[in-house]
Amino acid sequence: MNDVISMERDIIQAVSEQLEDERVIANLELRRWLKQMIAESADRLDCLKLVAEEEGASLGVAVKEATGVVAGTLSQMFGKLRDHPLANMVRDDLIAMNLTETNYSMLYTLALAVGHSKCADIAFNGVESAPPIILALTEMLPGLVTSDLALEAPLVNPEAEATVLAAVHDAWNA
């Protein structure tokens, strides 16, 4: 349980720092999704803390073994936050949300398997809330990449964003 709590804390801290970036402040849609990411993580974190306090170590050992790698991966990734292109920040957020969804899928399975309804409810929320954020950030990413590139040099293929979005839509609809 502690590793899941650490994962949520890492997300909240890193994304909160991103909200202070001028480029994020200027991008209202991105800012809205990042705020939602923080709010949902904070809600789950509060619930996880309550369950951890109620259950003590009994559930925590099984969860720690199942999810320990995820928190370490997020911590390393977000620990490398620096002044890099906005597209790279969003890429890192996408990685975090995909890991979050995977982590909560594992936790949901574990909680259902051992009959822990409170933990299952929290995990189901994590499974259910990640995809809309993942899809929204995925939609934004090609435009952010081309915007970042355009700051450095003229784009050779101004249709790149539309081409990538079409490919992503085709892939997700397959």
N, C-alpha and C. Protein backbone atom coordinates (compact mmCIF):
# COMPACT_ATOMS: atom_id res chain seq x y z
N MET A 1 0.82 -1.20 0.00
CA MET A 1 0.00 0.00 0.00
C MET A 1 0.87 1.26 0.00
N ASN A 2 1.97 1.20 0.72
CA ASN A 2 2.84 2.38 0.79
C ASN A 2 3.40 2.78 -0.56
N ASP A 3 3.67 1.79 -1.43
CA ASP A 3 4.20 2.12 -2.76
C ASP A 3 3.16 2.82 -3.62
N VAL A 4 1.91 2.43 -3.48
CA VAL A 4 0.84 3.10 -4.24
C VAL A 4 0.69 4.53 -3.72
N ILE A 5 0.77 4.68 -2.42
CA ILE A 5 0.71 6.02 -1.82
C ILE A 5 1.88 6.86 -2.32
N SER A 6 3.07 6.29 -2.36
CA SER A 6 4.24 7.02 -2.86
C SER A 6 4.07 7.42 -4.32
N MET A 7 3.50 6.54 -5.12
CA MET A 7 3.26 6.84 -6.52
C MET A 7 2.36 8.07 -6.65
N GLU A 8 1.27 8.08 -5.90
CA GLU A 8 0.34 9.21 -5.97
C GLU A 8 1.02 10.50 -5.50
N ARG A 9 1.81 10.41 -4.44
CA ARG A 9 2.54 11.60 -3.96
C ARG A 9 3.50 12.13 -5.03
N ASP A 10 4.22 11.22 -5.69
CA ASP A 10 5.15 11.63 -6.75
C ASP A 10 4.41 12.36 -7.87
N ILE A 11 3.28 11.83 -8.26
CA ILE A 11 2.50 12.46 -9.33
C ILE A 11 2.04 13.84 -8.90
N ILE A 12 1.48 13.94 -7.71
CA ILE A 12 0.99 15.23 -7.22
C ILE A 12 2.11 16.25 -7.17
N GLN A 13 3.24 15.87 -6.62
CA GLN A 13 4.36 16.81 -6.50
C GLN A 13 4.88 17.25 -7.87
N ALA A 14 5.14 16.30 -8.75
CA ALA A 14 5.72 16.64 -10.05
C ALA A 14 4.77 17.47 -10.91
N VAL A 15 3.52 17.08 -10.95
CA VAL A 15 2.56 17.80 -11.79
C VAL A 15 2.27 19.17 -11.19
N SER A 16 2.27 19.28 -9.88
CA SER A 16 2.10 20.60 -9.25
C SER A 16 3.22 21.55 -9.67
N GLU A 17 4.43 21.03 -9.73
CA GLU A 17 5.56 21.85 -10.20
C GLU A 17 5.38 22.26 -11.65
N GLN A 18 4.85 21.35 -12.46
CA GLN A 18 4.61 21.67 -13.87
C GLN A 18 3.60 22.80 -14.02
N LEU A 19 2.62 22.85 -13.13
CA LEU A 19 1.60 23.90 -13.21
C LEU A 19 2.19 25.30 -13.03
N GLU A 20 3.39 25.39 -12.47
CA GLU A 20 4.04 26.68 -12.28
C GLU A 20 4.83 27.12 -13.52
N ASP A 21 5.00 26.23 -14.48
CA ASP A 21 5.74 26.53 -15.71
C ASP A 21 4.91 27.49 -16.57
N GLU A 22 5.56 28.53 -17.08
CA GLU A 22 4.86 29.55 -17.88
C GLU A 22 4.16 28.96 -19.09
N ARG A 23 4.77 27.95 -19.70
CA ARG A 23 4.16 27.33 -20.89
C ARG A 23 2.89 26.58 -20.53
N VAL A 24 2.87 25.98 -19.36
CA VAL A 24 1.67 25.29 -18.89
C VAL A 24 0.61 26.31 -18.51
N ILE A 25 1.02 27.39 -17.87
CA ILE A 25 0.08 28.45 -17.51
C ILE A 25 -0.60 29.00 -18.76
N ALA A 26 0.15 29.13 -19.85
CA ALA A 26 -0.38 29.68 -21.09
C ALA A 26 -1.27 28.70 -21.85
N ASN A 27 -1.16 27.41 -21.57
CA ASN A 27 -1.94 26.39 -22.28
C ASN A 27 -3.10 25.96 -21.38
N LEU A 28 -4.24 26.60 -21.55
CA LEU A 28 -5.38 26.39 -20.65
C LEU A 28 -5.90 24.95 -20.67
N GLU A 29 -5.93 24.33 -21.85
CA GLU A 29 -6.43 22.96 -21.92
C GLU A 29 -5.49 22.00 -21.18
N LEU A 30 -4.21 22.14 -21.41
CA LEU A 30 -3.24 21.29 -20.71
C LEU A 30 -3.33 21.53 -19.21
N ARG A 31 -3.40 22.77 -18.82
CA ARG A 31 -3.49 23.13 -17.40
C ARG A 31 -4.71 22.48 -16.75
N ARG A 32 -5.84 22.50 -17.46
CA ARG A 32 -7.07 21.90 -16.93
C ARG A 32 -6.88 20.40 -16.70
N TRP A 33 -6.27 19.70 -17.66
CA TRP A 33 -6.07 18.25 -17.51
C TRP A 33 -5.06 17.93 -16.40
N LEU A 34 -4.02 18.75 -16.29
CA LEU A 34 -3.04 18.51 -15.23
C LEU A 34 -3.66 18.75 -13.85
N LYS A 35 -4.51 19.77 -13.74
CA LYS A 35 -5.21 20.00 -12.47
C LYS A 35 -6.12 18.82 -12.14
N GLN A 36 -6.78 18.27 -13.15
CA GLN A 36 -7.63 17.10 -12.92
C GLN A 36 -6.79 15.91 -12.47
N MET A 37 -5.63 15.76 -13.09
CA MET A 37 -4.72 14.68 -12.71
C MET A 37 -4.35 14.78 -11.23
N ILE A 38 -4.02 15.99 -10.79
CA ILE A 38 -3.66 16.22 -9.39
C ILE A 38 -4.85 15.96 -8.47
N ALA A 39 -6.00 16.49 -8.83
CA ALA A 39 -7.19 16.34 -7.98
C ALA A 39 -7.56 14.87 -7.79
N GLU A 40 -7.54 14.11 -8.88
CA GLU A 40 -7.90 12.70 -8.78
C GLU A 40 -6.86 11.92 -7.99
N SER A 41 -5.59 12.24 -8.20
CA SER A 41 -4.53 11.57 -7.42
C SER A 41 -4.68 11.90 -5.94
N ALA A 42 -4.97 13.16 -5.63
CA ALA A 42 -5.12 13.58 -4.23
C ALA A 42 -6.30 12.88 -3.57
N ASP A 43 -7.41 12.75 -4.29
CA ASP A 43 -8.57 12.04 -3.74
C ASP A 43 -8.23 10.58 -3.44
N ARG A 44 -7.58 9.93 -4.41
CA ARG A 44 -7.21 8.52 -4.18
C ARG A 44 -6.20 8.41 -3.05
N LEU A 45 -5.26 9.34 -2.99
CA LEU A 45 -4.25 9.32 -1.93
C LEU A 45 -4.90 9.38 -0.55
N ASP A 46 -5.86 10.28 -0.39
CA ASP A 46 -6.58 10.38 0.89
C ASP A 46 -7.26 9.07 1.25
N CYS A 47 -7.92 8.46 0.27
CA CYS A 47 -8.61 7.18 0.51
C CYS A 47 -7.62 6.07 0.83
N LEU A 48 -6.51 6.03 0.09
CA LEU A 48 -5.49 5.01 0.34
C LEU A 48 -4.91 5.13 1.74
N LYS A 49 -4.69 6.35 2.18
CA LYS A 49 -4.15 6.56 3.54
C LYS A 49 -5.12 6.02 4.58
N LEU A 50 -6.41 6.27 4.39
CA LEU A 50 -7.41 5.77 5.34
C LEU A 50 -7.42 4.25 5.38
N VAL A 51 -7.39 3.62 4.21
CA VAL A 51 -7.38 2.16 4.16
C VAL A 51 -6.10 1.62 4.81
N ALA A 52 -4.98 2.26 4.53
CA ALA A 52 -3.71 1.81 5.11
C ALA A 52 -3.74 1.90 6.63
N GLU A 53 -4.32 2.98 7.15
CA GLU A 53 -4.43 3.13 8.61
C GLU A 53 -5.35 2.07 9.20
N GLU A 54 -6.46 1.79 8.52
CA GLU A 54 -7.42 0.81 9.02
C GLU A 54 -6.85 -0.61 8.98
N GLU A 55 -6.13 -0.92 7.92
CA GLU A 55 -5.68 -2.29 7.70
C GLU A 55 -4.30 -2.59 8.26
N GLY A 56 -3.52 -1.56 8.50
CA GLY A 56 -2.15 -1.80 8.95
C GLY A 56 -1.34 -2.48 7.87
N ALA A 57 -0.52 -3.42 8.25
CA ALA A 57 0.41 -4.04 7.31
C ALA A 57 -0.17 -5.22 6.54
N SER A 58 -1.32 -5.75 6.94
CA SER A 58 -1.81 -7.00 6.34
C SER A 58 -2.01 -6.90 4.83
N LEU A 59 -2.70 -5.89 4.37
CA LEU A 59 -2.91 -5.73 2.93
C LEU A 59 -1.67 -5.14 2.29
N GLY A 60 -0.97 -4.32 3.01
CA GLY A 60 0.19 -3.61 2.46
C GLY A 60 1.27 -4.52 1.91
N VAL A 61 1.53 -5.65 2.54
CA VAL A 61 2.60 -6.54 2.08
C VAL A 61 2.29 -7.07 0.69
N ALA A 62 1.07 -7.52 0.47
CA ALA A 62 0.70 -8.05 -0.85
C ALA A 62 0.74 -6.97 -1.91
N VAL A 63 0.26 -5.79 -1.58
CA VAL A 63 0.26 -4.68 -2.53
C VAL A 63 1.68 -4.25 -2.84
N LYS A 64 2.52 -4.18 -1.82
CA LYS A 64 3.92 -3.76 -2.02
C LYS A 64 4.62 -4.68 -3.01
N GLU A 65 4.44 -5.98 -2.86
CA GLU A 65 5.08 -6.92 -3.77
C GLU A 65 4.56 -6.77 -5.19
N ALA A 66 3.29 -6.47 -5.35
CA ALA A 66 2.69 -6.37 -6.68
C ALA A 66 3.02 -5.07 -7.38
N THR A 67 3.25 -4.00 -6.64
CA THR A 67 3.35 -2.68 -7.27
C THR A 67 4.62 -1.91 -6.96
N GLY A 68 5.55 -2.48 -6.26
CA GLY A 68 6.73 -1.75 -5.82
C GLY A 68 7.55 -1.12 -6.91
N VAL A 69 7.66 -1.76 -8.05
CA VAL A 69 8.48 -1.24 -9.14
C VAL A 69 7.92 0.07 -9.68
N VAL A 70 6.61 0.21 -9.71
CA VAL A 70 5.98 1.39 -10.32
C VAL A 70 6.37 2.67 -9.61
N ALA A 71 6.29 2.70 -8.31
CA ALA A 71 6.61 3.93 -7.58
C ALA A 71 8.05 4.35 -7.81
N GLY A 72 8.96 3.40 -7.82
CA GLY A 72 10.36 3.72 -8.07
C GLY A 72 10.58 4.29 -9.46
N THR A 73 9.89 3.74 -10.44
CA THR A 73 10.00 4.22 -11.81
C THR A 73 9.51 5.65 -11.92
N LEU A 74 8.37 5.95 -11.33
CA LEU A 74 7.83 7.31 -11.38
C LEU A 74 8.75 8.28 -10.67
N SER A 75 9.26 7.88 -9.53
CA SER A 75 10.14 8.77 -8.77
C SER A 75 11.38 9.11 -9.58
N GLN A 76 11.97 8.13 -10.24
CA GLN A 76 13.15 8.38 -11.07
C GLN A 76 12.81 9.30 -12.24
N MET A 77 11.69 9.03 -12.90
CA MET A 77 11.30 9.82 -14.06
C MET A 77 11.04 11.27 -13.66
N PHE A 78 10.22 11.48 -12.64
CA PHE A 78 9.89 12.83 -12.23
C PHE A 78 11.07 13.52 -11.55
N GLY A 79 12.00 12.74 -11.01
CA GLY A 79 13.19 13.32 -10.42
C GLY A 79 14.08 13.99 -11.44
N LYS A 80 13.87 13.66 -12.70
CA LYS A 80 14.67 14.24 -13.78
C LYS A 80 14.00 15.44 -14.42
N LEU A 81 12.93 15.94 -13.82
CA LEU A 81 12.26 17.11 -14.37
C LEU A 81 13.23 18.28 -14.41
N ARG A 82 13.27 18.90 -15.54
CA ARG A 82 14.13 20.05 -15.72
C ARG A 82 13.49 20.93 -16.78
N ASP A 83 14.19 21.94 -17.18
CA ASP A 83 13.65 22.83 -18.19
C ASP A 83 13.77 22.19 -19.57
N HIS A 84 12.86 21.30 -19.87
CA HIS A 84 12.87 20.66 -21.18
C HIS A 84 11.60 21.00 -21.93
N PRO A 85 11.55 20.66 -23.20
CA PRO A 85 10.37 21.04 -23.99
C PRO A 85 9.06 20.59 -23.34
N LEU A 86 8.04 21.37 -23.58
CA LEU A 86 6.72 21.08 -23.03
C LEU A 86 6.25 19.69 -23.46
N ALA A 87 6.53 19.32 -24.69
CA ALA A 87 6.15 18.00 -25.17
C ALA A 87 6.77 16.90 -24.31
N ASN A 88 7.99 17.10 -23.85
CA ASN A 88 8.63 16.09 -23.00
C ASN A 88 7.94 15.99 -21.64
N MET A 89 7.50 17.13 -21.11
CA MET A 89 6.75 17.10 -19.85
C MET A 89 5.48 16.28 -20.01
N VAL A 90 4.76 16.55 -21.10
CA VAL A 90 3.50 15.84 -21.34
C VAL A 90 3.78 14.35 -21.58
N ARG A 91 4.86 14.04 -22.27
CA ARG A 91 5.25 12.63 -22.45
C ARG A 91 5.43 11.97 -21.09
N ASP A 92 6.13 12.64 -20.18
CA ASP A 92 6.34 12.09 -18.84
C ASP A 92 5.02 11.91 -18.10
N ASP A 93 4.10 12.86 -18.28
CA ASP A 93 2.78 12.73 -17.66
C ASP A 93 2.02 11.54 -18.24
N LEU A 94 2.15 11.34 -19.54
CA LEU A 94 1.50 10.18 -20.17
C LEU A 94 2.07 8.87 -19.63
N ILE A 95 3.37 8.82 -19.48
CA ILE A 95 4.00 7.62 -18.91
C ILE A 95 3.47 7.39 -17.50
N ALA A 96 3.41 8.45 -16.72
CA ALA A 96 2.90 8.33 -15.34
C ALA A 96 1.46 7.84 -15.32
N MET A 97 0.63 8.37 -16.21
CA MET A 97 -0.78 7.95 -16.21
C MET A 97 -0.94 6.52 -16.70
N ASN A 98 -0.14 6.10 -17.67
CA ASN A 98 -0.20 4.71 -18.11
C ASN A 98 0.28 3.77 -17.01
N LEU A 99 1.33 4.15 -16.30
CA LEU A 99 1.78 3.34 -15.16
C LEU A 99 0.73 3.33 -14.04
N THR A 100 0.08 4.47 -13.85
CA THR A 100 -0.97 4.55 -12.83
C THR A 100 -2.10 3.59 -13.16
N GLU A 101 -2.53 3.60 -14.42
CA GLU A 101 -3.62 2.72 -14.84
C GLU A 101 -3.22 1.26 -14.66
N THR A 102 -2.01 0.93 -15.06
CA THR A 102 -1.52 -0.44 -14.91
C THR A 102 -1.43 -0.82 -13.43
N ASN A 103 -0.90 0.07 -12.63
CA ASN A 103 -0.76 -0.17 -11.20
C ASN A 103 -2.13 -0.40 -10.55
N TYR A 104 -3.08 0.45 -10.90
CA TYR A 104 -4.41 0.29 -10.31
C TYR A 104 -5.14 -0.93 -10.85
N SER A 105 -4.85 -1.36 -12.07
CA SER A 105 -5.41 -2.62 -12.58
C SER A 105 -4.92 -3.79 -11.74
N MET A 106 -3.63 -3.76 -11.42
CA MET A 106 -3.07 -4.80 -10.56
C MET A 106 -3.69 -4.75 -9.17
N LEU A 107 -3.79 -3.55 -8.61
CA LEU A 107 -4.35 -3.40 -7.27
C LEU A 107 -5.82 -3.82 -7.24
N TYR A 108 -6.55 -3.47 -8.29
CA TYR A 108 -7.97 -3.85 -8.38
C TYR A 108 -8.10 -5.38 -8.39
N THR A 109 -7.27 -6.03 -9.19
CA THR A 109 -7.28 -7.49 -9.25
C THR A 109 -6.96 -8.08 -7.88
N LEU A 110 -5.92 -7.58 -7.26
CA LEU A 110 -5.51 -8.07 -5.95
C LEU A 110 -6.62 -7.87 -4.92
N ALA A 111 -7.19 -6.67 -4.90
CA ALA A 111 -8.23 -6.36 -3.91
C ALA A 111 -9.47 -7.24 -4.11
N LEU A 112 -9.86 -7.44 -5.37
CA LEU A 112 -11.00 -8.33 -5.62
C LEU A 112 -10.67 -9.76 -5.21
N ALA A 113 -9.45 -10.19 -5.51
CA ALA A 113 -9.05 -11.57 -5.21
C ALA A 113 -9.04 -11.86 -3.72
N VAL A 114 -8.68 -10.85 -2.91
CA VAL A 114 -8.63 -11.08 -1.46
C VAL A 114 -9.89 -10.57 -0.76
N GLY A 115 -10.85 -10.05 -1.53
CA GLY A 115 -12.12 -9.62 -0.96
C GLY A 115 -12.07 -8.32 -0.18
N HIS A 116 -11.22 -7.39 -0.59
CA HIS A 116 -11.10 -6.11 0.11
C HIS A 116 -11.85 -5.04 -0.69
N SER A 117 -13.11 -4.81 -0.32
CA SER A 117 -13.97 -3.93 -1.12
C SER A 117 -13.54 -2.46 -1.11
N LYS A 118 -13.05 -1.95 0.02
CA LYS A 118 -12.62 -0.54 0.05
C LYS A 118 -11.45 -0.31 -0.90
N CYS A 119 -10.49 -1.19 -0.84
CA CYS A 119 -9.32 -1.08 -1.70
C CYS A 119 -9.73 -1.27 -3.17
N ALA A 120 -10.65 -2.19 -3.42
CA ALA A 120 -11.13 -2.42 -4.78
C ALA A 120 -11.81 -1.18 -5.34
N ASP A 121 -12.58 -0.49 -4.51
CA ASP A 121 -13.26 0.73 -4.96
C ASP A 121 -12.25 1.82 -5.35
N ILE A 122 -11.23 1.98 -4.53
CA ILE A 122 -10.20 2.99 -4.82
C ILE A 122 -9.47 2.61 -6.11
N ALA A 123 -9.11 1.34 -6.23
CA ALA A 123 -8.38 0.88 -7.41
C ALA A 123 -9.24 1.01 -8.66
N PHE A 124 -10.52 0.69 -8.56
CA PHE A 124 -11.41 0.84 -9.71
C PHE A 124 -11.45 2.30 -10.16
N ASN A 125 -11.48 3.21 -9.20
CA ASN A 125 -11.44 4.63 -9.54
C ASN A 125 -10.17 4.97 -10.31
N GLY A 126 -9.04 4.42 -9.91
CA GLY A 126 -7.79 4.65 -10.62
C GLY A 126 -7.81 4.09 -12.03
N VAL A 127 -8.39 2.90 -12.18
CA VAL A 127 -8.52 2.29 -13.50
C VAL A 127 -9.43 3.13 -14.39
N GLU A 128 -10.53 3.59 -13.82
CA GLU A 128 -11.54 4.31 -14.59
C GLU A 128 -11.14 5.75 -14.92
N SER A 129 -10.39 6.40 -14.05
CA SER A 129 -10.09 7.83 -14.25
C SER A 129 -8.88 8.08 -15.14
N ALA A 130 -8.01 7.12 -15.30
CA ALA A 130 -6.79 7.34 -16.10
C ALA A 130 -7.06 7.50 -17.60
N PRO A 131 -7.88 6.67 -18.24
CA PRO A 131 -8.02 6.77 -19.70
C PRO A 131 -8.44 8.14 -20.26
N PRO A 132 -9.38 8.86 -19.66
CA PRO A 132 -9.70 10.18 -20.24
C PRO A 132 -8.50 11.13 -20.24
N ILE A 133 -7.69 11.08 -19.20
CA ILE A 133 -6.50 11.93 -19.13
C ILE A 133 -5.48 11.46 -20.16
N ILE A 134 -5.29 10.15 -20.25
CA ILE A 134 -4.35 9.60 -21.23
C ILE A 134 -4.76 10.02 -22.64
N LEU A 135 -6.03 9.88 -22.97
CA LEU A 135 -6.50 10.25 -24.31
C LEU A 135 -6.33 11.73 -24.58
N ALA A 136 -6.66 12.57 -23.61
CA ALA A 136 -6.53 14.02 -23.80
C ALA A 136 -5.08 14.42 -24.01
N LEU A 137 -4.18 13.90 -23.19
CA LEU A 137 -2.76 14.24 -23.34
C LEU A 137 -2.20 13.69 -24.64
N THR A 138 -2.65 12.49 -25.04
CA THR A 138 -2.22 11.91 -26.31
C THR A 138 -2.65 12.78 -27.48
N GLU A 139 -3.85 13.33 -27.40
CA GLU A 139 -4.35 14.24 -28.45
C GLU A 139 -3.51 15.51 -28.53
N MET A 140 -3.05 16.00 -27.40
CA MET A 140 -2.28 17.24 -27.36
C MET A 140 -0.83 17.06 -27.79
N LEU A 141 -0.28 15.88 -27.58
CA LEU A 141 1.16 15.68 -27.74
C LEU A 141 1.71 16.04 -29.13
N PRO A 142 1.10 15.59 -30.24
CA PRO A 142 1.67 15.96 -31.55
C PRO A 142 1.74 17.48 -31.77
N GLY A 143 0.73 18.20 -31.33
CA GLY A 143 0.74 19.65 -31.47
C GLY A 143 1.83 20.29 -30.62
N LEU A 144 2.06 19.74 -29.45
CA LEU A 144 3.13 20.26 -28.59
C LEU A 144 4.50 19.98 -29.18
N VAL A 145 4.66 18.80 -29.78
CA VAL A 145 5.93 18.47 -30.43
C VAL A 145 6.20 19.44 -31.57
N THR A 146 5.20 19.65 -32.44
CA THR A 146 5.41 20.56 -33.58
C THR A 146 5.62 21.99 -33.11
N SER A 147 4.93 22.40 -32.06
CA SER A 147 5.14 23.76 -31.52
C SER A 147 6.55 23.92 -30.97
N ASP A 148 7.02 22.90 -30.23
CA ASP A 148 8.39 22.95 -29.72
C ASP A 148 9.40 23.01 -30.86
N LEU A 149 9.18 22.19 -31.89
CA LEU A 149 10.09 22.19 -33.04
C LEU A 149 10.08 23.52 -33.79
N ALA A 150 8.90 24.10 -33.93
CA ALA A 150 8.76 25.36 -34.67
C ALA A 150 9.51 26.50 -33.98
N LEU A 151 9.76 26.37 -32.70
CA LEU A 151 10.55 27.38 -31.99
C LEU A 151 12.01 27.35 -32.43
N GLU A 152 12.46 26.20 -32.90
CA GLU A 152 13.86 26.01 -33.30
C GLU A 152 14.09 26.26 -34.78
N ALA A 153 13.14 25.85 -35.63
CA ALA A 153 13.32 25.96 -37.08
C ALA A 153 11.97 25.78 -37.77
N PRO A 154 11.87 26.22 -39.02
CA PRO A 154 10.61 26.03 -39.75
C PRO A 154 10.31 24.53 -39.93
N LEU A 155 9.04 24.20 -39.90
CA LEU A 155 8.63 22.81 -40.07
C LEU A 155 8.67 22.45 -41.55
N VAL A 156 9.31 21.34 -41.88
CA VAL A 156 9.37 20.87 -43.26
C VAL A 156 8.02 20.29 -43.66
N ASN A 157 7.35 19.64 -42.71
CA ASN A 157 6.05 19.02 -42.98
C ASN A 157 5.02 19.58 -42.02
N PRO A 158 4.31 20.64 -42.43
CA PRO A 158 3.32 21.23 -41.53
C PRO A 158 2.11 20.33 -41.26
N GLU A 159 1.99 19.24 -42.01
CA GLU A 159 0.89 18.30 -41.82
C GLU A 159 1.23 17.19 -40.82
N ALA A 160 2.41 17.25 -40.24
CA ALA A 160 2.86 16.18 -39.34
C ALA A 160 1.88 15.94 -38.20
N GLU A 161 1.41 17.01 -37.58
CA GLU A 161 0.49 16.86 -36.45
C GLU A 161 -0.77 16.12 -36.86
N ALA A 162 -1.38 16.54 -37.97
CA ALA A 162 -2.61 15.90 -38.44
C ALA A 162 -2.37 14.44 -38.82
N THR A 163 -1.24 14.16 -39.44
CA THR A 163 -0.91 12.79 -39.84
C THR A 163 -0.77 11.89 -38.62
N VAL A 164 -0.07 12.39 -37.61
CA VAL A 164 0.13 11.59 -36.39
C VAL A 164 -1.19 11.38 -35.66
N LEU A 165 -1.99 12.43 -35.55
CA LEU A 165 -3.29 12.28 -34.88
C LEU A 165 -4.17 11.25 -35.59
N ALA A 166 -4.17 11.27 -36.92
CA ALA A 166 -4.95 10.28 -37.67
C ALA A 166 -4.43 8.87 -37.40
N ALA A 167 -3.11 8.71 -37.36
CA ALA A 167 -2.53 7.39 -37.08
C ALA A 167 -2.87 6.92 -35.67
N VAL A 168 -2.81 7.83 -34.71
CA VAL A 168 -3.16 7.48 -33.32
C VAL A 168 -4.63 7.08 -33.23
N HIS A 169 -5.49 7.85 -33.87
CA HIS A 169 -6.92 7.51 -33.86
C HIS A 169 -7.16 6.14 -34.47
N ASP A 170 -6.51 5.87 -35.61
CA ASP A 170 -6.66 4.56 -36.25
C ASP A 170 -6.18 3.45 -35.33
N ALA A 171 -5.04 3.67 -34.69
CA ALA A 171 -4.48 2.63 -33.81
C ALA A 171 -5.40 2.35 -32.63
N TRP A 172 -5.95 3.39 -32.02
CA TRP A 172 -6.81 3.21 -30.85
C TRP A 172 -8.18 2.66 -31.21
N ASN A 173 -8.59 2.85 -32.45
CA ASN A 173 -9.88 2.32 -32.89
C ASN A 173 -9.76 0.92 -33.44
N ALA A 174 -8.54 0.41 -33.55
CA ALA A 174 -8.32 -0.93 -34.14
C ALA A 174 -8.77 -2.02 -33.21
